[in-house]
Amino acid sequence: MARVKAEKTPQARKKLARELALPICKEVLAAVADPHRYLLATVTTPGELGTVANWQQHNMPDLVFKPGQELAAALGSDLPADALPSRDYQGEPRIFVPVVRTGFVAGEPLLLTVMILGLGPQPSGGVLFWRKLGEQGSAFRDCSKDTGLSDHAALALCRILVV
């Protein structure tokens, strides 16, 4: 962007931004997408979710968002869709339950948050089945009725109280 900013005329800045900076922006975006895929493929705990959030809050602004705003200003228009971070989850669909506890006392309630990642652009939830150890049959909860969508379109949340 330094070379783009150094150009004297708006037309020259726009041309250099389109021919030089925009392809670099797309390369950086592709490079940033890989760690996101790897991180999201392994997340299972609240701490690991924190790592993803930390990465997005501290690295994405400097690597993607600020340079993208400068590039859009130099281009005189919004960035094309392929130069913006995707809001679609690119990995395999998965379900995980980020719970800190490893056990609980009989009769004690346990609040579970079930996270369903990658079921398409608008996940509709799922059904959670469970049974108490040593018992026949199972209980279930239809998570599609009360699924809370996060601000990320590919993540559905279902909270259930197991007693």
Foldseek 3Di string as FASTA:
>chain_A
DVVLVPDDDLVSSLVCLVPPVQVVLLVLLVVVVVVVLVLVVPDAAPVSVVVSVCCCVPPCCVSHVVVQVVSCVSNVHHRPPSSHHDLARDDDWDKHWHDPDPDDDPPDKDKIKIKTFHPPQADQAAKDWDDDPPDPDIDIDGQSVPWDDDPRRGITIGIDIDD
